[in-house]
Amino acid sequence: MRLITEAEVATVLDPDSAVAALRAAFAQHGRGQAQVLARHRASASHDGAALAISAMGAILGADGELPAVLGTKVYSARNGRYNFLVSLFSADTGAAIATLEANEFTRLRTAAATAVAADLLARPDAKTLAVFGAGIQGRAHAEALVRVRRFERILVCARSGAEAFAADLQATLGLPVQAVEAATAAAEADVIATATRSATPLFDGGLVRPGAFVAAVGSSTKAARELDDALLGRASLVVVEWRTAAELEAGDIVQAAPGVIAPGVIAPERLVELGELIVNPRPRGSQDIVVYKSVGIGLEDVALARLVAHRLGVC
């Protein structure tokens, strides 16, 4: 078994490859050829520190040169700081293939999954991107989304550091980037990505323009939400990675008022998995609002771990 370090991951994994690998993995899931292990968590305190351990995983079938694998992602949290590992096993023999340090591709995988959804569901003529949050995922999402749409400008909104974040993004991406208030970002953007730790909705969903694509990725707990009922009620589609995970962990969905969108209440045709749409695309009206709610699932981590291990000659 091979230990693959963060430095090795960085040498072979790039954003475009991550998007392609996740698109293929979600397609497998949509065809029923991949299985997902739900996230499990345990928490405790130690010497005054808040501790948590979490695990999730997936089984992927072979895909071209990539072999069939089983994998788990496990990660620790100590006072809100995370460290990630992924272990891969051969589906052919059951033997361990590799364990990967996974902080780098955890950063990439969330934004890459959003890019898969945006490429499928955002309007082709989208010109303005709004990013809520000035942290690691806010940056990763801006960098990923400009690869799937030709934006003319980016708006950023954050509780702190928005001006510096905007200046840095502008220098990195070569696009006009402006720090704005939440209402402006919500009302003017064609694509919105929320990547915050907010426990309550970030903006009035009634402000969002018809035809917008909104990706909410900041929370994977049912106690927090970034989007309000007004937006969810206007959405023609609410797209999730996996229904089981969304119904357990997506606060935006779990907290929604009955009759708007909630487990057991939402009309089945409005709540759909990303893999289903990749396999069987649906027509999208130019004025339809589409919401993508991500909580992160093990399918994404195992897919990228397999790609990295293959490129390094491990499997």
C-alpha atoms as a PDB file:
ATOM      1  CA  MET A   1       0.000   0.000   0.000  1.00  0.00           C
ATOM      2  CA  ARG A   2       1.238   3.475  -0.912  1.00  0.00           C
ATOM      3  CA  LEU A   3       1.029   6.693   1.120  1.00  0.00           C
ATOM      4  CA  ILE A   4       0.374   9.586  -1.263  1.00  0.00           C
ATOM      5  CA  THR A   5       1.314  12.968   0.133  1.00  0.00           C
ATOM      6  CA  GLU A   6      -0.237  16.386  -0.421  1.00  0.00           C
ATOM      7  CA  ALA A   7       2.763  17.357  -2.540  1.00  0.00           C
ATOM      8  CA  GLU A   8       2.223  14.365  -4.820  1.00  0.00           C
ATOM      9  CA  VAL A   9      -1.484  15.131  -5.135  1.00  0.00           C
ATOM     10  CA  ALA A  10      -0.660  18.666  -6.263  1.00  0.00           C
ATOM     11  CA  THR A  11       1.594  17.397  -9.051  1.00  0.00           C
ATOM     12  CA  VAL A  12      -1.108  15.397 -10.827  1.00  0.00           C
ATOM     13  CA  LEU A  13      -4.481  16.948  -9.925  1.00  0.00           C
ATOM     14  CA  ASP A  14      -5.714  20.114 -11.647  1.00  0.00           C
ATOM     15  CA  PRO A  15      -9.160  21.794 -11.677  1.00  0.00           C
ATOM     16  CA  ASP A  16     -10.127  20.692 -15.185  1.00  0.00           C
ATOM     17  CA  SER A  17      -9.253  17.061 -14.466  1.00  0.00           C
ATOM     18  CA  ALA A  18     -11.170  17.234 -11.187  1.00  0.00           C
ATOM     19  CA  VAL A  19     -14.303  18.474 -12.981  1.00  0.00           C
ATOM     20  CA  ALA A  20     -14.043  15.741 -15.610  1.00  0.00           C
ATOM     21  CA  ALA A  21     -13.533  13.024 -12.992  1.00  0.00           C
ATOM     22  CA  LEU A  22     -16.504  14.180 -10.927  1.00  0.00           C
ATOM     23  CA  ARG A  23     -18.758  14.483 -13.952  1.00  0.00           C
ATOM     24  CA  ALA A  24     -17.971  10.859 -14.807  1.00  0.00           C
ATOM     25  CA  ALA A  25     -18.490   9.708 -11.205  1.00  0.00           C
ATOM     26  CA  PHE A  26     -21.865  11.452 -10.915  1.00  0.00           C
ATOM     27  CA  ALA A  27     -22.877   9.907 -14.236  1.00  0.00           C
ATOM     28  CA  GLN A  28     -22.028   6.472 -12.809  1.00  0.00           C
ATOM     29  CA  HIS A  29     -24.161   7.299  -9.787  1.00  0.00           C
ATOM     30  CA  GLY A  30     -27.008   8.411 -12.032  1.00  0.00           C
ATOM     31  CA  ARG A  31     -26.869   5.080 -13.867  1.00  0.00           C
ATOM     32  CA  GLY A  32     -26.892   3.137 -10.603  1.00  0.00           C
ATOM     33  CA  GLN A  33     -23.303   1.942 -11.071  1.00  0.00           C
ATOM     34  CA  ALA A  34     -21.873   3.649  -7.971  1.00  0.00           C
ATOM     35  CA  GLN A  35     -22.852   3.376  -4.319  1.00  0.00           C
ATOM     36  CA  VAL A  36     -22.387   5.974  -1.599  1.00  0.00           C
ATOM     37  CA  LEU A  37     -21.698   5.548   2.116  1.00  0.00           C
ATOM     38  CA  ALA A  38     -23.399   8.253   4.179  1.00  0.00           C
ATOM     39  CA  ARG A  39     -21.354  10.471   6.463  1.00  0.00           C
ATOM     40  CA  HIS A  40     -21.098   9.384  10.098  1.00  0.00           C
ATOM     41  CA  ARG A  41     -19.876  11.663  12.873  1.00  0.00           C
ATOM     42  CA  ALA A  42     -18.828  11.385  16.499  1.00  0.00           C
ATOM     43  CA  SER A  43     -17.819  14.276  18.760  1.00  0.00           C
ATOM     44  CA  ALA A  44     -16.185  14.798  22.139  1.00  0.00           C
ATOM     45  CA  SER A  45     -14.119  17.289  24.091  1.00  0.00           C
ATOM     46  CA  HIS A  46     -10.474  16.902  25.069  1.00  0.00           C
ATOM     47  CA  ASP A  47      -8.485  19.278  27.258  1.00  0.00           C
ATOM     48  CA  GLY A  48     -10.942  22.044  26.447  1.00  0.00           C
ATOM     49  CA  ALA A  49     -10.871  21.420  22.694  1.00  0.00           C
ATOM     50  CA  ALA A  50     -13.921  20.435  20.631  1.00  0.00           C
ATOM     51  CA  LEU A  51     -13.178  17.228  18.729  1.00  0.00           C
ATOM     52  CA  ALA A  52     -15.029  15.399  15.970  1.00  0.00           C
ATOM     53  CA  ILE A  53     -14.289  12.460  13.725  1.00  0.00           C
ATOM     54  CA  SER A  54     -16.229  11.903  10.487  1.00  0.00           C
ATOM     55  CA  ALA A  55     -16.210   9.250   7.784  1.00  0.00           C
ATOM     56  CA  MET A  56     -17.923   8.667   4.443  1.00  0.00           C
ATOM     57  CA  GLY A  57     -17.192   6.737   1.278  1.00  0.00           C
ATOM     58  CA  ALA A  58     -18.211   5.204  -2.013  1.00  0.00           C
ATOM     59  CA  ILE A  59     -17.849   2.267  -4.388  1.00  0.00           C
ATOM     60  CA  LEU A  60     -17.072   3.132  -8.018  1.00  0.00           C
ATOM     61  CA  GLY A  61     -17.152   0.846 -11.022  1.00  0.00           C
ATOM     62  CA  ALA A  62     -14.352   0.770 -13.575  1.00  0.00           C
ATOM     63  CA  ASP A  63     -14.276   3.689 -16.009  1.00  0.00           C
ATOM     64  CA  GLY A  64     -11.958   3.396 -19.002  1.00  0.00           C
ATOM     65  CA  GLU A  65      -8.419   3.021 -17.655  1.00  0.00           C
ATOM     66  CA  LEU A  66      -9.602   3.683 -14.092  1.00  0.00           C
ATOM     67  CA  PRO A  67     -10.196   0.498 -12.070  1.00  0.00           C
ATOM     68  CA  ALA A  68     -13.166  -0.283  -9.866  1.00  0.00           C
ATOM     69  CA  VAL A  69     -12.464   0.813  -6.296  1.00  0.00           C
ATOM     70  CA  LEU A  70     -13.884   1.058  -2.816  1.00  0.00           C
ATOM     71  CA  GLY A  71     -12.895   4.019  -0.698  1.00  0.00           C
ATOM     72  CA  THR A  72     -13.445   5.918   2.506  1.00  0.00           C
ATOM     73  CA  LYS A  73     -12.683   9.454   3.535  1.00  0.00           C
ATOM     74  CA  VAL A  74     -12.037  10.100   7.206  1.00  0.00           C
ATOM     75  CA  TYR A  75     -11.289  13.434   8.777  1.00  0.00           C
ATOM     76  CA  SER A  76     -10.666  14.996  12.145  1.00  0.00           C
ATOM     77  CA  ALA A  77     -11.841  18.344  13.425  1.00  0.00           C
ATOM     78  CA  ARG A  78     -10.272  20.113  16.356  1.00  0.00           C
ATOM     79  CA  ASN A  79     -11.761  23.482  17.232  1.00  0.00           C
ATOM     80  CA  GLY A  80     -12.934  23.865  13.654  1.00  0.00           C
ATOM     81  CA  ARG A  81      -9.623  22.924  11.991  1.00  0.00           C
ATOM     82  CA  TYR A  82      -9.754  19.909   9.690  1.00  0.00           C
ATOM     83  CA  ASN A  83      -7.403  17.219   8.400  1.00  0.00           C
ATOM     84  CA  PHE A  84      -8.444  14.717   5.737  1.00  0.00           C
ATOM     85  CA  LEU A  85      -7.356  11.250   4.561  1.00  0.00           C
ATOM     86  CA  VAL A  86      -8.778   8.974   1.873  1.00  0.00           C
ATOM     87  CA  SER A  87      -8.119   5.227   1.742  1.00  0.00           C
ATOM     88  CA  LEU A  88      -8.594   3.285  -1.497  1.00  0.00           C
ATOM     89  CA  PHE A  89      -9.144  -0.454  -1.934  1.00  0.00           C
ATOM     90  CA  SER A  90      -9.220  -2.594  -5.054  1.00  0.00           C
ATOM     91  CA  ALA A  91     -12.649  -3.904  -6.029  1.00  0.00           C
ATOM     92  CA  ASP A  92     -10.922  -6.792  -7.796  1.00  0.00           C
ATOM     93  CA  THR A  93      -8.920  -8.084  -4.824  1.00  0.00           C
ATOM     94  CA  GLY A  94     -10.158  -6.142  -1.784  1.00  0.00           C
ATOM     95  CA  ALA A  95      -6.572  -5.171  -1.010  1.00  0.00           C
ATOM     96  CA  ALA A  96      -5.597  -1.699   0.129  1.00  0.00           C
ATOM     97  CA  ILE A  97      -4.167   0.381  -2.736  1.00  0.00           C
ATOM     98  CA  ALA A  98      -3.267   3.683  -1.141  1.00  0.00           C
ATOM     99  CA  THR A  99      -3.957   6.215   1.560  1.00  0.00           C
ATOM    100  CA  LEU A 100      -3.911   9.824   0.416  1.00  0.00           C
ATOM    101  CA  GLU A 101      -3.449  13.036   2.316  1.00  0.00           C
ATOM    102  CA  ALA A 102      -6.567  14.814   1.145  1.00  0.00           C
ATOM    103  CA  ASN A 103      -6.597  18.433   2.311  1.00  0.00           C
ATOM    104  CA  GLU A 104      -5.738  19.736  -1.181  1.00  0.00           C
ATOM    105  CA  PHE A 105      -8.290  17.797  -3.117  1.00  0.00           C
ATOM    106  CA  THR A 106     -10.953  18.400  -0.478  1.00  0.00           C
ATOM    107  CA  ARG A 107     -10.502  22.077  -1.364  1.00  0.00           C
ATOM    108  CA  LEU A 108     -10.746  21.290  -5.078  1.00  0.00           C
ATOM    109  CA  ARG A 109     -13.515  18.703  -5.015  1.00  0.00           C
ATOM    110  CA  THR A 110     -16.305  20.882  -3.590  1.00  0.00           C
ATOM    111  CA  ALA A 111     -15.749  23.602  -6.181  1.00  0.00           C
ATOM    112  CA  ALA A 112     -15.267  21.048  -8.957  1.00  0.00           C
ATOM    113  CA  ALA A 113     -18.625  19.443  -8.151  1.00  0.00           C
ATOM    114  CA  THR A 114     -20.261  22.867  -8.252  1.00  0.00           C
ATOM    115  CA  ALA A 115     -18.608  23.489 -11.620  1.00  0.00           C
ATOM    116  CA  VAL A 116     -20.112  20.220 -12.916  1.00  0.00           C
ATOM    117  CA  ALA A 117     -23.561  21.404 -11.822  1.00  0.00           C
ATOM    118  CA  ALA A 118     -23.061  24.933 -13.177  1.00  0.00           C
ATOM    119  CA  ASP A 119     -21.827  23.692 -16.542  1.00  0.00           C
ATOM    120  CA  LEU A 120     -24.964  21.588 -16.820  1.00  0.00           C
ATOM    121  CA  LEU A 121     -27.502  24.021 -15.372  1.00  0.00           C
ATOM    122  CA  ALA A 122     -26.337  27.647 -15.572  1.00  0.00           C
ATOM    123  CA  ARG A 123     -27.431  29.680 -18.572  1.00  0.00           C
ATOM    124  CA  PRO A 124     -24.809  29.663 -21.346  1.00  0.00           C
ATOM    125  CA  ASP A 125     -24.978  33.477 -21.541  1.00  0.00           C
ATOM    126  CA  ALA A 126     -24.311  34.063 -17.821  1.00  0.00           C
ATOM    127  CA  LYS A 127     -22.170  37.193 -17.459  1.00  0.00           C
ATOM    128  CA  THR A 128     -22.083  38.058 -13.744  1.00  0.00           C
ATOM    129  CA  LEU A 129     -20.867  35.757 -10.959  1.00  0.00           C
ATOM    130  CA  ALA A 130     -21.503  36.527  -7.284  1.00  0.00           C
ATOM    131  CA  VAL A 131     -19.520  34.801  -4.545  1.00  0.00           C
ATOM    132  CA  PHE A 132     -20.585  34.962  -0.914  1.00  0.00           C
ATOM    133  CA  GLY A 133     -17.670  34.242   1.409  1.00  0.00           C
ATOM    134  CA  ALA A 134     -14.012  35.249   1.228  1.00  0.00           C
ATOM    135  CA  GLY A 135     -12.476  32.016   2.491  1.00  0.00           C
ATOM    136  CA  ILE A 136     -10.882  28.977   0.892  1.00  0.00           C
ATOM    137  CA  GLN A 137     -14.087  27.769  -0.741  1.00  0.00           C
ATOM    138  CA  GLY A 138     -15.084  31.223  -1.948  1.00  0.00           C
ATOM    139  CA  ARG A 139     -11.791  31.471  -3.811  1.00  0.00           C
ATOM    140  CA  ALA A 140     -11.965  27.874  -5.074  1.00  0.00           C
ATOM    141  CA  HIS A 141     -15.465  28.447  -6.435  1.00  0.00           C
ATOM    142  CA  ALA A 142     -14.536  31.627  -8.254  1.00  0.00           C
ATOM    143  CA  GLU A 143     -11.553  29.867  -9.834  1.00  0.00           C
ATOM    144  CA  ALA A 144     -13.637  26.822 -10.818  1.00  0.00           C
ATOM    145  CA  LEU A 145     -16.692  28.646 -12.159  1.00  0.00           C
ATOM    146  CA  VAL A 146     -14.765  30.932 -14.503  1.00  0.00           C
ATOM    147  CA  ARG A 147     -13.665  27.746 -16.275  1.00  0.00           C
ATOM    148  CA  VAL A 148     -17.222  26.786 -17.262  1.00  0.00           C
ATOM    149  CA  ARG A 149     -18.747  30.210 -18.084  1.00  0.00           C
ATOM    150  CA  ARG A 150     -17.345  33.375 -19.680  1.00  0.00           C
ATOM    151  CA  PHE A 151     -18.125  35.859 -16.950  1.00  0.00           C
ATOM    152  CA  GLU A 152     -17.573  39.548 -17.554  1.00  0.00           C
ATOM    153  CA  ARG A 153     -17.455  40.522 -13.885  1.00  0.00           C
ATOM    154  CA  ILE A 154     -17.483  39.060 -10.393  1.00  0.00           C
ATOM    155  CA  LEU A 155     -19.231  40.439  -7.301  1.00  0.00           C
ATOM    156  CA  VAL A 156     -18.072  39.381  -3.841  1.00  0.00           C
ATOM    157  CA  CYS A 157     -19.852  39.726  -0.529  1.00  0.00           C
ATOM    158  CA  ALA A 158     -18.308  38.824   2.821  1.00  0.00           C
ATOM    159  CA  ARG A 159     -18.637  39.848   6.449  1.00  0.00           C
ATOM    160  CA  SER A 160     -14.968  40.794   6.529  1.00  0.00           C
ATOM    161  CA  GLY A 161     -12.095  41.083   4.080  1.00  0.00           C
ATOM    162  CA  ALA A 162     -14.279  41.599   1.008  1.00  0.00           C
ATOM    163  CA  GLU A 163     -12.246  44.452  -0.474  1.00  0.00           C
ATOM    164  CA  ALA A 164      -8.926  42.625  -0.164  1.00  0.00           C
ATOM    165  CA  PHE A 165     -10.486  39.423  -1.477  1.00  0.00           C
ATOM    166  CA  ALA A 166     -11.916  41.282  -4.472  1.00  0.00           C
ATOM    167  CA  ALA A 167      -8.564  42.862  -5.283  1.00  0.00           C
ATOM    168  CA  ASP A 168      -6.767  39.523  -5.030  1.00  0.00           C
ATOM    169  CA  LEU A 169      -9.322  37.735  -7.227  1.00  0.00           C
ATOM    170  CA  GLN A 170      -9.123  40.476  -9.832  1.00  0.00           C
ATOM    171  CA  ALA A 171      -5.354  40.127 -10.006  1.00  0.00           C
ATOM    172  CA  THR A 172      -5.586  36.326 -10.203  1.00  0.00           C
ATOM    173  CA  LEU A 173      -8.443  35.953 -12.674  1.00  0.00           C
ATOM    174  CA  GLY A 174      -8.011  39.058 -14.809  1.00  0.00           C
ATOM    175  CA  LEU A 175     -11.685  40.036 -14.491  1.00  0.00           C
ATOM    176  CA  PRO A 176     -13.297  43.076 -12.854  1.00  0.00           C
ATOM    177  CA  VAL A 177     -14.146  42.108  -9.260  1.00  0.00           C
ATOM    178  CA  GLN A 178     -16.151  44.340  -6.932  1.00  0.00           C
ATOM    179  CA  ALA A 179     -17.044  44.051  -3.250  1.00  0.00           C
ATOM    180  CA  VAL A 180     -20.781  44.720  -2.797  1.00  0.00           C
ATOM    181  CA  GLU A 181     -23.610  44.328  -0.309  1.00  0.00           C
ATOM    182  CA  ALA A 182     -25.617  41.100  -0.203  1.00  0.00           C
ATOM    183  CA  ALA A 183     -28.716  42.585  -1.856  1.00  0.00           C
ATOM    184  CA  THR A 184     -26.699  43.851  -4.816  1.00  0.00           C
ATOM    185  CA  ALA A 185     -24.952  40.527  -5.308  1.00  0.00           C
ATOM    186  CA  ALA A 186     -28.227  38.614  -5.146  1.00  0.00           C
ATOM    187  CA  ALA A 187     -30.062  40.929  -7.534  1.00  0.00           C
ATOM    188  CA  GLU A 188     -27.403  41.367 -10.224  1.00  0.00           C
ATOM    189  CA  ALA A 189     -25.788  37.943 -10.573  1.00  0.00           C
ATOM    190  CA  ASP A 190     -26.572  35.271 -13.137  1.00  0.00           C
ATOM    191  CA  VAL A 191     -24.666  32.685 -11.093  1.00  0.00           C
ATOM    192  CA  ILE A 192     -24.434  32.819  -7.286  1.00  0.00           C
ATOM    193  CA  ALA A 193     -22.149  30.667  -5.121  1.00  0.00           C
ATOM    194  CA  THR A 194     -22.562  30.809  -1.345  1.00  0.00           C
ATOM    195  CA  ALA A 195     -19.583  29.451   0.569  1.00  0.00           C
ATOM    196  CA  THR A 196     -20.033  30.732   4.115  1.00  0.00           C
ATOM    197  CA  ARG A 197     -20.539  29.393   7.614  1.00  0.00           C
ATOM    198  CA  SER A 198     -23.732  31.372   8.085  1.00  0.00           C
ATOM    199  CA  ALA A 199     -26.466  29.648  10.067  1.00  0.00           C
ATOM    200  CA  THR A 200     -29.184  31.877   8.587  1.00  0.00           C
ATOM    201  CA  PRO A 201     -30.091  32.929   5.019  1.00  0.00           C
ATOM    202  CA  LEU A 202     -27.667  35.375   3.427  1.00  0.00           C
ATOM    203  CA  PHE A 203     -30.124  37.364   1.286  1.00  0.00           C
ATOM    204  CA  ASP A 204     -33.764  37.760   0.295  1.00  0.00           C
ATOM    205  CA  GLY A 205     -34.486  35.099  -2.304  1.00  0.00           C
ATOM    206  CA  GLY A 206     -37.056  37.371  -3.898  1.00  0.00           C
ATOM    207  CA  LEU A 207     -34.186  39.496  -5.217  1.00  0.00           C
ATOM    208  CA  VAL A 208     -32.657  36.739  -7.334  1.00  0.00           C
ATOM    209  CA  ARG A 209     -33.174  37.362 -11.022  1.00  0.00           C
ATOM    210  CA  PRO A 210     -35.127  34.916 -13.206  1.00  0.00           C
ATOM    211  CA  GLY A 211     -32.836  32.463 -14.944  1.00  0.00           C
ATOM    212  CA  ALA A 212     -30.194  32.467 -12.197  1.00  0.00           C
ATOM    213  CA  PHE A 213     -28.241  29.436 -11.043  1.00  0.00           C
ATOM    214  CA  VAL A 214     -27.563  29.385  -7.281  1.00  0.00           C
ATOM    215  CA  ALA A 215     -25.099  27.001  -5.625  1.00  0.00           C
ATOM    216  CA  ALA A 216     -25.160  26.744  -1.827  1.00  0.00           C
ATOM    217  CA  VAL A 217     -22.105  24.888  -0.520  1.00  0.00           C
ATOM    218  CA  GLY A 218     -21.249  26.407   2.851  1.00  0.00           C
ATOM    219  CA  SER A 219     -22.949  24.009   5.243  1.00  0.00           C
ATOM    220  CA  SER A 220     -23.312  20.260   5.683  1.00  0.00           C
ATOM    221  CA  THR A 221     -25.381  20.371   8.876  1.00  0.00           C
ATOM    222  CA  LYS A 222     -29.126  20.574   9.283  1.00  0.00           C
ATOM    223  CA  ALA A 223     -28.715  23.417  11.795  1.00  0.00           C
ATOM    224  CA  ALA A 224     -27.424  25.910   9.198  1.00  0.00           C
ATOM    225  CA  ARG A 225     -28.779  27.319   5.955  1.00  0.00           C
ATOM    226  CA  GLU A 226     -27.657  29.955   3.451  1.00  0.00           C
ATOM    227  CA  LEU A 227     -30.820  30.154   1.315  1.00  0.00           C
ATOM    228  CA  ASP A 228     -34.327  31.196   2.350  1.00  0.00           C
ATOM    229  CA  ASP A 229     -37.757  29.745   1.611  1.00  0.00           C
ATOM    230  CA  ALA A 230     -38.497  32.516  -0.894  1.00  0.00           C
ATOM    231  CA  LEU A 231     -35.704  31.333  -3.182  1.00  0.00           C
ATOM    232  CA  LEU A 232     -36.441  27.642  -2.721  1.00  0.00           C
ATOM    233  CA  GLY A 233     -40.083  28.289  -3.511  1.00  0.00           C
ATOM    234  CA  ARG A 234     -39.145  30.045  -6.770  1.00  0.00           C
ATOM    235  CA  ALA A 235     -36.735  27.349  -7.955  1.00  0.00           C
ATOM    236  CA  SER A 236     -37.901  25.138 -10.789  1.00  0.00           C
ATOM    237  CA  LEU A 237     -35.314  22.551  -9.730  1.00  0.00           C
ATOM    238  CA  VAL A 238     -33.460  21.894  -6.488  1.00  0.00           C
ATOM    239  CA  VAL A 239     -30.489  19.727  -7.388  1.00  0.00           C
ATOM    240  CA  VAL A 240     -28.581  17.687  -4.797  1.00  0.00           C
ATOM    241  CA  GLU A 241     -25.654  15.291  -4.927  1.00  0.00           C
ATOM    242  CA  TRP A 242     -27.565  12.480  -3.222  1.00  0.00           C
ATOM    243  CA  ARG A 243     -31.065  12.649  -1.759  1.00  0.00           C
ATOM    244  CA  THR A 244     -30.167  10.632   1.329  1.00  0.00           C
ATOM    245  CA  ALA A 245     -27.400  13.031   2.339  1.00  0.00           C
ATOM    246  CA  ALA A 246     -29.428  16.134   1.500  1.00  0.00           C
ATOM    247  CA  GLU A 247     -32.372  15.040   3.615  1.00  0.00           C
ATOM    248  CA  LEU A 248     -30.067  14.384   6.572  1.00  0.00           C
ATOM    249  CA  GLU A 249     -27.587  17.258   6.302  1.00  0.00           C
ATOM    250  CA  ALA A 250     -28.860  20.100   4.104  1.00  0.00           C
ATOM    251  CA  GLY A 251     -30.201  22.711   6.495  1.00  0.00           C
ATOM    252  CA  ASP A 252     -31.557  24.707   3.558  1.00  0.00           C
ATOM    253  CA  ILE A 253     -33.875  21.784   2.818  1.00  0.00           C
ATOM    254  CA  VAL A 254     -34.460  20.414   6.323  1.00  0.00           C
ATOM    255  CA  GLN A 255     -35.448  23.821   7.732  1.00  0.00           C
ATOM    256  CA  ALA A 256     -37.666  24.861   4.822  1.00  0.00           C
ATOM    257  CA  ALA A 257     -41.291  25.550   5.658  1.00  0.00           C
ATOM    258  CA  PRO A 258     -43.737  22.748   4.837  1.00  0.00           C
ATOM    259  CA  GLY A 259     -45.266  23.353   1.453  1.00  0.00           C
ATOM    260  CA  VAL A 260     -42.166  25.112   0.130  1.00  0.00           C
ATOM    261  CA  ILE A 261     -39.598  22.332  -0.015  1.00  0.00           C
ATOM    262  CA  ALA A 262     -39.017  19.741   2.664  1.00  0.00           C
ATOM    263  CA  PRO A 263     -38.485  15.984   2.866  1.00  0.00           C
ATOM    264  CA  GLY A 264     -41.799  14.259   2.195  1.00  0.00           C
ATOM    265  CA  VAL A 265     -43.421  17.506   0.991  1.00  0.00           C
ATOM    266  CA  ILE A 266     -41.491  18.632  -2.050  1.00  0.00           C
ATOM    267  CA  ALA A 267     -42.924  17.474  -5.350  1.00  0.00           C
ATOM    268  CA  PRO A 268     -40.665  14.658  -6.574  1.00  0.00           C
ATOM    269  CA  GLU A 269     -40.057  16.330  -9.912  1.00  0.00           C
ATOM    270  CA  ARG A 270     -38.464  19.387  -8.242  1.00  0.00           C
ATOM    271  CA  LEU A 271     -35.863  17.597  -6.109  1.00  0.00           C
ATOM    272  CA  VAL A 272     -33.396  15.752  -8.309  1.00  0.00           C
ATOM    273  CA  GLU A 273     -29.924  14.259  -8.021  1.00  0.00           C
ATOM    274  CA  LEU A 274     -27.089  15.673 -10.113  1.00  0.00           C
ATOM    275  CA  GLY A 275     -26.239  12.276 -11.572  1.00  0.00           C
ATOM    276  CA  GLU A 276     -29.805  11.811 -12.790  1.00  0.00           C
ATOM    277  CA  LEU A 277     -29.601  15.084 -14.715  1.00  0.00           C
ATOM    278  CA  ILE A 278     -26.249  14.219 -16.267  1.00  0.00           C
ATOM    279  CA  VAL A 279     -27.628  10.925 -17.553  1.00  0.00           C
ATOM    280  CA  ASN A 280     -31.059  12.319 -18.508  1.00  0.00           C
ATOM    281  CA  PRO A 281     -30.846  16.107 -18.994  1.00  0.00           C
ATOM    282  CA  ARG A 282     -34.020  18.138 -18.625  1.00  0.00           C
ATOM    283  CA  PRO A 283     -34.961  21.171 -20.705  1.00  0.00           C
ATOM    284  CA  ARG A 284     -34.214  24.395 -18.817  1.00  0.00           C
ATOM    285  CA  GLY A 285     -36.353  27.469 -19.448  1.00  0.00           C
ATOM    286  CA  SER A 286     -34.417  30.715 -19.828  1.00  0.00           C
ATOM    287  CA  GLN A 287     -36.311  32.199 -16.869  1.00  0.00           C
ATOM    288  CA  ASP A 288     -36.049  29.143 -14.604  1.00  0.00           C
ATOM    289  CA  ILE A 289     -34.161  29.522 -11.334  1.00  0.00           C
ATOM    290  CA  VAL A 290     -32.114  26.429 -10.475  1.00  0.00           C
ATOM    291  CA  VAL A 291     -30.672  25.765  -7.005  1.00  0.00           C
ATOM    292  CA  TYR A 292     -27.823  23.345  -6.389  1.00  0.00           C
ATOM    293  CA  LYS A 293     -27.390  22.379  -2.728  1.00  0.00           C
ATOM    294  CA  SER A 294     -24.142  20.582  -1.878  1.00  0.00           C
ATOM    295  CA  VAL A 295     -23.221  18.902   1.389  1.00  0.00           C
ATOM    296  CA  GLY A 296     -20.272  16.920   0.021  1.00  0.00           C
ATOM    297  CA  ILE A 297     -20.436  13.156  -0.435  1.00  0.00           C
ATOM    298  CA  GLY A 298     -17.826  10.413  -0.448  1.00  0.00           C
ATOM    299  CA  LEU A 299     -18.348   9.774  -4.158  1.00  0.00           C
ATOM    300  CA  GLU A 300     -16.429  12.985  -4.898  1.00  0.00           C
ATOM    301  CA  ASP A 301     -13.458  12.166  -2.693  1.00  0.00           C
ATOM    302  CA  VAL A 302     -13.115   8.582  -3.884  1.00  0.00           C
ATOM    303  CA  ALA A 303     -13.351   9.653  -7.525  1.00  0.00           C
ATOM    304  CA  LEU A 304     -10.524  12.159  -7.154  1.00  0.00           C
ATOM    305  CA  ALA A 305      -8.425   9.797  -5.032  1.00  0.00           C
ATOM    306  CA  ARG A 306      -8.711   7.133  -7.733  1.00  0.00           C
ATOM    307  CA  LEU A 307      -7.660   9.618 -10.414  1.00  0.00           C
ATOM    308  CA  VAL A 308      -4.631  10.722  -8.392  1.00  0.00           C
ATOM    309  CA  ALA A 309      -3.578   7.147  -7.600  1.00  0.00           C
ATOM    310  CA  HIS A 310      -3.917   6.158 -11.258  1.00  0.00           C
ATOM    311  CA  ARG A 311      -1.859   9.100 -12.489  1.00  0.00           C
ATOM    312  CA  LEU A 312       0.846   8.218  -9.986  1.00  0.00           C
ATOM    313  CA  GLY A 313       0.898   4.619 -11.253  1.00  0.00           C
ATOM    314  CA  VAL A 314      -0.522   3.123  -8.072  1.00  0.00           C
ATOM    315  CA  CYS A 315      -3.646   1.627  -9.636  1.00  0.00           C
END
